[in-house]
Amino acid sequence: MNSYKYFENRDCRYYPCHEMPENKGINCLFCYCPLYALKDCPGNHRYTEKNGKSIKICTDCTFPHEEENYERIIKILSGLDL
């Protein structure tokens, strides 16, 4: 396990923030999802409407917390025009 790709903060007051499959840890590196602003991110999200605005709901998404998705997230972010 590479610490630049993965770390787990079991002392966080929000840990665990998502239910993960059995025998899987939570990668806290992307605690705030860097893909949240993307309309078509690869995670498990849905949209709801509130006060006439569309709001992205990521409660059931574990994509940024799965260790094996680090490279994919970095690749997606590398292609963004920031």
N, C-alpha and C. Protein backbone atom coordinates (compact mmCIF):
# COMPACT_ATOMS: atom_id res chain seq x y z
N MET A 1 0.85 -1.17 0.00
CA MET A 1 0.00 0.00 0.00
C MET A 1 0.90 1.24 0.00
N ASN A 2 0.65 2.17 -0.91
CA ASN A 2 1.45 3.39 -1.02
C ASN A 2 0.73 4.53 -0.33
N SER A 3 1.39 5.20 0.61
CA SER A 3 0.74 6.26 1.37
C SER A 3 0.36 7.46 0.52
N TYR A 4 1.01 7.66 -0.62
CA TYR A 4 0.60 8.77 -1.47
C TYR A 4 -0.70 8.46 -2.23
N LYS A 5 -1.08 7.19 -2.28
CA LYS A 5 -2.30 6.77 -2.95
C LYS A 5 -3.42 6.44 -1.97
N TYR A 6 -3.06 6.18 -0.73
CA TYR A 6 -4.07 5.65 0.19
C TYR A 6 -3.71 5.97 1.64
N PHE A 7 -4.69 6.44 2.39
CA PHE A 7 -4.56 6.45 3.84
C PHE A 7 -5.96 6.39 4.43
N GLU A 8 -6.04 5.86 5.60
CA GLU A 8 -7.32 5.66 6.27
C GLU A 8 -7.25 6.35 7.63
N ASN A 9 -8.17 7.26 7.88
CA ASN A 9 -8.19 8.02 9.13
C ASN A 9 -9.32 7.51 10.03
N ARG A 10 -9.03 6.49 10.77
CA ARG A 10 -10.03 5.89 11.66
C ARG A 10 -10.38 6.81 12.84
N ASP A 11 -9.58 7.84 13.08
CA ASP A 11 -9.86 8.78 14.17
C ASP A 11 -10.80 9.91 13.75
N CYS A 12 -11.14 9.98 12.48
CA CYS A 12 -12.04 11.02 11.99
C CYS A 12 -13.42 10.84 12.61
N ARG A 13 -14.04 11.94 12.99
CA ARG A 13 -15.36 11.83 13.62
C ARG A 13 -16.43 11.37 12.63
N TYR A 14 -16.16 11.43 11.34
CA TYR A 14 -17.11 10.98 10.33
C TYR A 14 -16.84 9.56 9.84
N TYR A 15 -15.77 8.96 10.33
CA TYR A 15 -15.40 7.61 9.89
C TYR A 15 -16.33 6.58 10.50
N PRO A 16 -16.86 5.67 9.75
CA PRO A 16 -16.81 5.57 8.29
C PRO A 16 -17.88 6.45 7.66
N CYS A 17 -17.52 7.13 6.61
CA CYS A 17 -18.45 8.05 5.95
C CYS A 17 -19.39 7.31 5.00
N HIS A 18 -18.98 6.14 4.56
CA HIS A 18 -19.79 5.32 3.66
C HIS A 18 -19.68 3.87 4.09
N GLU A 19 -20.71 3.11 3.77
CA GLU A 19 -20.63 1.67 4.00
C GLU A 19 -19.85 1.09 2.83
N MET A 20 -18.83 0.33 3.16
CA MET A 20 -17.98 -0.26 2.14
C MET A 20 -18.22 -1.77 2.10
N PRO A 21 -17.90 -2.39 0.97
CA PRO A 21 -17.99 -3.86 0.92
C PRO A 21 -17.10 -4.46 2.01
N GLU A 22 -17.47 -5.62 2.46
CA GLU A 22 -16.73 -6.31 3.52
C GLU A 22 -15.26 -6.47 3.12
N ASN A 23 -14.37 -6.32 4.08
CA ASN A 23 -12.92 -6.45 3.90
C ASN A 23 -12.31 -5.34 3.05
N LYS A 24 -12.99 -4.22 2.91
CA LYS A 24 -12.43 -3.08 2.18
C LYS A 24 -12.31 -1.91 3.14
N GLY A 25 -11.17 -1.26 3.11
CA GLY A 25 -10.99 -0.05 3.91
C GLY A 25 -11.52 1.15 3.14
N ILE A 26 -11.51 2.29 3.79
CA ILE A 26 -11.96 3.52 3.17
C ILE A 26 -10.74 4.39 2.91
N ASN A 27 -10.50 4.74 1.66
CA ASN A 27 -9.41 5.64 1.33
C ASN A 27 -9.87 7.06 1.63
N CYS A 28 -9.26 7.68 2.63
CA CYS A 28 -9.63 9.03 3.06
C CYS A 28 -8.88 10.11 2.28
N LEU A 29 -8.01 9.72 1.35
CA LEU A 29 -7.25 10.68 0.57
C LEU A 29 -8.17 11.66 -0.14
N PHE A 30 -9.25 11.16 -0.70
CA PHE A 30 -10.21 12.02 -1.40
C PHE A 30 -11.46 12.17 -0.54
N CYS A 31 -11.26 12.62 0.68
CA CYS A 31 -12.38 12.79 1.61
C CYS A 31 -13.46 13.66 0.96
N TYR A 32 -13.06 14.79 0.44
CA TYR A 32 -13.96 15.59 -0.38
C TYR A 32 -13.68 15.18 -1.81
N CYS A 33 -14.66 14.67 -2.48
CA CYS A 33 -14.46 14.11 -3.81
C CYS A 33 -14.04 15.17 -4.82
N PRO A 34 -12.88 14.99 -5.46
CA PRO A 34 -12.44 15.96 -6.46
C PRO A 34 -13.24 15.88 -7.75
N LEU A 35 -14.11 14.88 -7.86
CA LEU A 35 -14.93 14.71 -9.06
C LEU A 35 -16.35 15.24 -8.87
N TYR A 36 -16.64 15.78 -7.72
CA TYR A 36 -18.00 16.22 -7.41
C TYR A 36 -18.54 17.21 -8.45
N ALA A 37 -17.70 18.10 -8.91
CA ALA A 37 -18.14 19.13 -9.85
C ALA A 37 -18.42 18.59 -11.26
N LEU A 38 -17.98 17.37 -11.53
CA LEU A 38 -18.22 16.78 -12.85
C LEU A 38 -19.64 16.25 -12.95
N LYS A 39 -20.32 16.65 -13.99
CA LYS A 39 -21.69 16.18 -14.18
C LYS A 39 -21.74 14.67 -14.42
N ASP A 40 -20.79 14.16 -15.19
CA ASP A 40 -20.78 12.74 -15.52
C ASP A 40 -19.57 12.04 -14.91
N CYS A 41 -19.41 12.15 -13.61
CA CYS A 41 -18.31 11.45 -12.95
C CYS A 41 -18.60 9.95 -12.94
N PRO A 42 -17.58 9.12 -12.76
CA PRO A 42 -17.77 7.67 -12.83
C PRO A 42 -18.38 7.05 -11.57
N GLY A 43 -18.65 7.84 -10.57
CA GLY A 43 -19.20 7.32 -9.32
C GLY A 43 -20.69 7.05 -9.37
N ASN A 44 -21.21 6.57 -8.27
CA ASN A 44 -22.62 6.22 -8.13
C ASN A 44 -23.36 7.41 -7.52
N HIS A 45 -23.82 8.31 -8.37
CA HIS A 45 -24.51 9.51 -7.90
C HIS A 45 -25.90 9.59 -8.50
N ARG A 46 -26.67 10.49 -7.96
CA ARG A 46 -28.00 10.77 -8.50
C ARG A 46 -28.25 12.26 -8.32
N TYR A 47 -29.27 12.77 -8.95
CA TYR A 47 -29.60 14.17 -8.83
C TYR A 47 -31.00 14.31 -8.25
N THR A 48 -31.18 15.36 -7.48
CA THR A 48 -32.49 15.70 -6.96
C THR A 48 -32.68 17.19 -7.18
N GLU A 49 -33.89 17.64 -7.11
CA GLU A 49 -34.15 19.06 -7.30
C GLU A 49 -34.62 19.66 -5.99
N LYS A 50 -34.06 20.82 -5.67
CA LYS A 50 -34.46 21.53 -4.46
C LYS A 50 -34.47 23.02 -4.77
N ASN A 51 -35.61 23.63 -4.50
CA ASN A 51 -35.77 25.07 -4.77
C ASN A 51 -35.41 25.43 -6.21
N GLY A 52 -35.76 24.56 -7.14
CA GLY A 52 -35.50 24.82 -8.55
C GLY A 52 -34.08 24.56 -9.00
N LYS A 53 -33.25 24.03 -8.13
CA LYS A 53 -31.86 23.74 -8.48
C LYS A 53 -31.60 22.25 -8.44
N SER A 54 -30.79 21.78 -9.36
CA SER A 54 -30.39 20.38 -9.39
C SER A 54 -29.21 20.19 -8.44
N ILE A 55 -29.33 19.22 -7.54
CA ILE A 55 -28.30 18.96 -6.55
C ILE A 55 -27.81 17.53 -6.71
N LYS A 56 -26.50 17.39 -6.76
CA LYS A 56 -25.88 16.07 -6.91
C LYS A 56 -25.82 15.40 -5.54
N ILE A 57 -26.30 14.18 -5.45
CA ILE A 57 -26.31 13.41 -4.21
C ILE A 57 -25.34 12.24 -4.37
N CYS A 58 -24.34 12.18 -3.51
CA CYS A 58 -23.30 11.16 -3.61
C CYS A 58 -23.25 10.25 -2.39
N THR A 59 -24.30 10.22 -1.64
CA THR A 59 -24.34 9.46 -0.39
C THR A 59 -23.99 7.99 -0.59
N ASP A 60 -24.42 7.40 -1.68
CA ASP A 60 -24.18 5.97 -1.93
C ASP A 60 -22.92 5.71 -2.76
N CYS A 61 -22.13 6.73 -2.99
CA CYS A 61 -20.94 6.58 -3.84
C CYS A 61 -19.71 6.28 -2.98
N THR A 62 -18.99 5.26 -3.38
CA THR A 62 -17.73 4.92 -2.70
C THR A 62 -16.54 5.03 -3.65
N PHE A 63 -16.78 5.46 -4.87
CA PHE A 63 -15.73 5.49 -5.90
C PHE A 63 -14.43 6.16 -5.43
N PRO A 64 -14.46 7.38 -4.88
CA PRO A 64 -13.19 8.00 -4.49
C PRO A 64 -12.55 7.36 -3.27
N HIS A 65 -13.28 6.52 -2.56
CA HIS A 65 -12.78 5.88 -1.35
C HIS A 65 -12.22 4.48 -1.60
N GLU A 66 -12.28 4.02 -2.84
CA GLU A 66 -11.76 2.71 -3.19
C GLU A 66 -10.32 2.84 -3.68
N GLU A 67 -9.42 2.16 -3.01
CA GLU A 67 -7.98 2.28 -3.28
C GLU A 67 -7.64 2.11 -4.76
N GLU A 68 -8.29 1.18 -5.42
CA GLU A 68 -7.95 0.89 -6.81
C GLU A 68 -8.35 2.00 -7.79
N ASN A 69 -9.08 3.01 -7.35
CA ASN A 69 -9.52 4.08 -8.24
C ASN A 69 -8.60 5.30 -8.26
N TYR A 70 -7.52 5.26 -7.50
CA TYR A 70 -6.60 6.41 -7.44
C TYR A 70 -6.13 6.83 -8.84
N GLU A 71 -5.57 5.90 -9.60
CA GLU A 71 -5.03 6.24 -10.92
C GLU A 71 -6.11 6.79 -11.85
N ARG A 72 -7.29 6.23 -11.78
CA ARG A 72 -8.38 6.69 -12.65
C ARG A 72 -8.78 8.13 -12.28
N ILE A 73 -8.83 8.43 -11.00
CA ILE A 73 -9.17 9.79 -10.57
C ILE A 73 -8.10 10.78 -11.05
N ILE A 74 -6.84 10.42 -10.88
CA ILE A 74 -5.75 11.28 -11.31
C ILE A 74 -5.80 11.50 -12.82
N LYS A 75 -6.10 10.45 -13.57
CA LYS A 75 -6.19 10.55 -15.02
C LYS A 75 -7.35 11.51 -15.41
N ILE A 76 -8.47 11.37 -14.75
CA ILE A 76 -9.61 12.26 -15.04
C ILE A 76 -9.25 13.70 -14.72
N LEU A 77 -8.64 13.92 -13.56
CA LEU A 77 -8.26 15.28 -13.16
C LEU A 77 -7.20 15.87 -14.08
N SER A 78 -6.32 15.04 -14.61
CA SER A 78 -5.26 15.52 -15.50
C SER A 78 -5.83 16.05 -16.80
N GLY A 79 -6.98 15.60 -17.18
CA GLY A 79 -7.60 16.05 -18.43
C GLY A 79 -8.49 17.27 -18.28
N LEU A 80 -8.63 17.78 -17.06
CA LEU A 80 -9.49 18.93 -16.84
C LEU A 80 -8.78 20.23 -17.15
N ASP A 81 -9.50 21.17 -17.68
CA ASP A 81 -8.97 22.52 -17.88
C ASP A 81 -9.30 23.32 -16.64
N LEU A 82 -8.31 23.51 -15.79
CA LEU A 82 -8.54 24.24 -14.54
C LEU A 82 -8.09 25.68 -14.65
